[in-house]
Amino acid sequence: QEFEQRTVLEYRLAPAPLSLILGARLTRLALSGLISGGVLNIAIGAITGYWPHPLWRVGLILLPVGIIAGCVGVMAGLLLQKSIPSFLVGLVTSFVAWILGSSFGLAAGFNPVYEFISRLTPNTHAVELLFPTYFGVAIDSPWPSAIVLLLMSAGMAALTVWVYRRRVLKVS
């Protein structure tokens, strides 16, 4: 909506630094994602009677996933400059990441090709990190998945800054 409602013009004229503008947008998106995850945890807990322990770990694991998703949405908006196509790109990206990212079970339980492709999505790493919280069994060492999630979120944030600079600030 930024391009359709001339918000980009305000961004260009604003004396605020790039980090503040993008940081605020990504913070809002990550917080709304964490709130959604909290509501989902409450619903699951109310239905099943099971509450993940510790709950803060769920939020900590979902935070980089929220940052990645927020970056995808911001970049889609910056590149497509229309609301509906940007929304569809975000929706399709989420759906594909869900399908490829261990939605049918742990990626390690399927053939090696699916496992390799699945590991390219942040969802698989989040599922592997969340698994012990919900099922009490660790799949493997959590550090590789944690590092991959952090690197993916940092990489997506850097890519979003680059796209923002090229599309809004017109900096090469």
Protein backbone atom coordinates (compact mmCIF):
# COMPACT_ATOMS: atom_id res chain seq x y z
CA GLN A 1 0.00 0.00 0.00
CA GLU A 2 2.99 2.30 0.37
CA PHE A 3 3.16 3.01 -3.35
CA GLU A 4 -0.61 3.20 -3.84
CA GLN A 5 -1.09 5.65 -0.97
CA ARG A 6 2.04 7.75 -1.57
CA THR A 7 3.67 6.64 1.68
CA VAL A 8 6.91 6.08 -0.23
CA LEU A 9 7.03 9.81 -0.95
CA GLU A 10 6.79 10.44 2.78
CA TYR A 11 9.59 7.92 3.39
CA ARG A 12 11.78 9.74 0.89
CA LEU A 13 11.14 13.11 2.52
CA ALA A 14 11.31 11.89 6.13
CA PRO A 15 14.39 12.85 8.13
CA ALA A 16 14.26 9.41 9.81
CA PRO A 17 17.11 6.99 9.07
CA LEU A 18 16.49 3.88 6.99
CA SER A 19 17.15 1.60 9.96
CA LEU A 20 14.39 3.25 11.98
CA ILE A 21 11.77 2.96 9.24
CA LEU A 22 12.53 -0.66 8.33
CA GLY A 23 13.10 -1.61 11.96
CA ALA A 24 9.68 -0.27 12.91
CA ARG A 25 7.98 -2.11 10.05
CA LEU A 26 9.69 -5.41 10.82
CA THR A 27 9.06 -5.01 14.55
CA ARG A 28 5.35 -4.49 13.89
CA LEU A 29 5.22 -7.53 11.62
CA ALA A 30 7.20 -9.73 14.03
CA LEU A 31 5.05 -8.66 16.99
CA SER A 32 1.82 -9.37 15.14
CA GLY A 33 3.24 -12.79 14.20
CA LEU A 34 4.17 -13.50 17.81
CA ILE A 35 0.71 -12.46 18.97
CA SER A 36 -0.83 -14.80 16.39
CA GLY A 37 1.45 -17.59 17.59
CA GLY A 38 0.42 -16.86 21.17
CA VAL A 39 -3.26 -17.05 20.29
CA LEU A 40 -2.62 -20.34 18.48
CA ASN A 41 -0.76 -21.72 21.53
CA ILE A 42 -3.63 -20.71 23.79
CA ALA A 43 -6.14 -22.39 21.47
CA ILE A 44 -4.06 -25.58 21.25
CA GLY A 45 -3.54 -25.57 25.02
CA ALA A 46 -7.22 -25.03 25.70
CA ILE A 47 -8.22 -27.85 23.35
CA THR A 48 -5.55 -30.41 24.24
CA GLY A 49 -4.65 -29.40 27.77
CA TYR A 50 -0.97 -29.37 26.80
CA TRP A 51 1.09 -26.22 27.30
CA PRO A 52 4.61 -26.06 25.86
CA HIS A 53 7.33 -25.63 28.40
CA PRO A 54 9.04 -23.22 28.43
CA LEU A 55 6.67 -20.98 26.49
CA TRP A 56 9.27 -18.26 25.91
CA ARG A 57 11.25 -20.74 23.78
CA VAL A 58 8.36 -20.97 21.31
CA GLY A 59 8.39 -17.20 20.88
CA LEU A 60 12.16 -17.13 20.55
CA ILE A 61 12.06 -19.78 17.82
CA LEU A 62 9.19 -18.12 15.95
CA LEU A 63 10.78 -14.65 16.04
CA PRO A 64 13.31 -15.27 13.21
CA VAL A 65 10.55 -16.96 11.18
CA GLY A 66 8.42 -13.84 11.67
CA ILE A 67 11.30 -11.61 10.59
CA ILE A 68 11.82 -13.70 7.46
CA ALA A 69 8.10 -13.60 6.63
CA GLY A 70 7.98 -9.86 7.29
CA CYS A 71 10.94 -9.31 4.97
CA VAL A 72 9.26 -11.34 2.22
CA GLY A 73 6.13 -9.18 2.56
CA VAL A 74 8.03 -5.90 2.60
CA MET A 75 10.12 -6.91 -0.42
CA ALA A 76 7.05 -8.07 -2.34
CA GLY A 77 5.45 -4.69 -1.71
CA LEU A 78 8.56 -2.80 -2.72
CA LEU A 79 9.08 -4.80 -5.90
CA LEU A 80 5.48 -5.17 -7.10
CA GLN A 81 4.14 -1.83 -5.85
CA LYS A 82 0.54 -3.13 -5.72
CA SER A 83 -1.34 -4.47 -2.69
CA ILE A 84 -3.12 -7.52 -4.10
CA PRO A 85 -0.17 -9.01 -6.03
CA SER A 86 2.07 -8.42 -2.99
CA PHE A 87 -0.45 -10.15 -0.74
CA LEU A 88 -0.65 -13.09 -3.15
CA VAL A 89 3.14 -13.41 -3.32
CA GLY A 90 3.29 -13.46 0.48
CA LEU A 91 0.47 -16.00 0.68
CA VAL A 92 1.96 -18.32 -1.95
CA THR A 93 5.42 -18.03 -0.38
CA SER A 94 3.99 -18.94 3.04
CA PHE A 95 2.07 -21.88 1.59
CA VAL A 96 5.08 -23.24 -0.32
CA ALA A 97 7.34 -22.81 2.74
CA TRP A 98 4.73 -24.62 4.84
CA ILE A 99 4.43 -27.53 2.37
CA LEU A 100 8.18 -27.86 1.89
CA GLY A 101 9.03 -27.06 5.51
CA SER A 102 8.07 -30.22 7.37
CA SER A 103 4.30 -29.71 7.30
CA PHE A 104 3.76 -33.44 6.78
CA GLY A 105 6.24 -34.52 9.43
CA LEU A 106 9.88 -34.12 10.13
CA ALA A 107 11.92 -33.70 6.96
CA ALA A 108 14.41 -36.29 8.20
CA GLY A 109 11.69 -38.93 7.93
CA PHE A 110 11.28 -38.51 4.17
CA ASN A 111 13.56 -39.18 1.22
CA PRO A 112 16.88 -37.29 0.98
CA VAL A 113 15.74 -35.04 -1.91
CA TYR A 114 12.74 -33.76 0.07
CA GLU A 115 14.91 -33.35 3.17
CA PHE A 116 17.46 -31.29 1.21
CA ILE A 117 14.79 -29.05 -0.32
CA SER A 118 13.02 -28.76 3.00
CA ARG A 119 16.16 -27.53 4.71
CA LEU A 120 16.18 -24.51 2.38
CA THR A 121 13.09 -23.19 4.18
CA PRO A 122 13.11 -21.67 7.67
CA ASN A 123 10.05 -23.74 8.60
CA THR A 124 11.96 -27.02 8.79
CA HIS A 125 14.50 -25.55 11.18
CA ALA A 126 11.75 -24.02 13.31
CA VAL A 127 9.89 -27.34 13.46
CA GLU A 128 13.06 -29.16 14.51
CA LEU A 129 13.65 -26.59 17.24
CA LEU A 130 10.01 -26.68 18.40
CA PHE A 131 9.75 -30.49 18.39
CA PRO A 132 11.31 -31.06 21.84
CA THR A 133 9.12 -28.33 23.35
CA TYR A 134 5.95 -30.11 22.25
CA PHE A 135 6.99 -33.76 22.16
CA GLY A 136 9.83 -33.92 24.69
CA VAL A 137 12.25 -35.61 22.29
CA ALA A 138 15.19 -33.84 20.70
CA ILE A 139 15.78 -34.69 17.07
CA ASP A 140 19.41 -33.67 16.89
CA SER A 141 21.57 -30.90 18.23
CA PRO A 142 19.54 -27.68 18.11
CA TRP A 143 22.51 -25.48 17.26
CA PRO A 144 22.66 -26.04 13.48
CA SER A 145 18.98 -25.20 13.07
CA ALA A 146 19.27 -22.18 15.40
CA ILE A 147 22.27 -20.88 13.47
CA VAL A 148 20.54 -21.41 10.12
CA LEU A 149 17.43 -19.56 11.33
CA LEU A 150 19.53 -16.64 12.56
CA LEU A 151 21.54 -16.51 9.33
CA MET A 152 18.38 -16.70 7.21
CA SER A 153 16.71 -13.89 9.15
CA ALA A 154 19.85 -11.72 9.00
CA GLY A 155 20.22 -12.42 5.28
CA MET A 156 16.59 -11.58 4.58
CA ALA A 157 16.89 -8.37 6.60
CA ALA A 158 19.99 -7.38 4.62
CA LEU A 159 18.26 -8.18 1.34
CA THR A 160 15.24 -6.13 2.40
CA VAL A 161 17.49 -3.16 3.20
CA TRP A 162 19.11 -3.49 -0.22
CA VAL A 163 15.72 -3.64 -2.00
CA TYR A 164 14.45 -0.71 0.07
CA ARG A 165 17.47 1.39 -0.82
CA ARG A 166 17.04 0.63 -4.54
CA ARG A 167 13.25 1.10 -4.69
CA VAL A 168 12.59 3.88 -2.21
CA LEU A 169 15.81 5.80 -1.84
CA LYS A 170 16.87 5.15 -5.45
CA VAL A 171 20.40 4.34 -4.30
CA SER A 172 22.39 1.90 -6.43
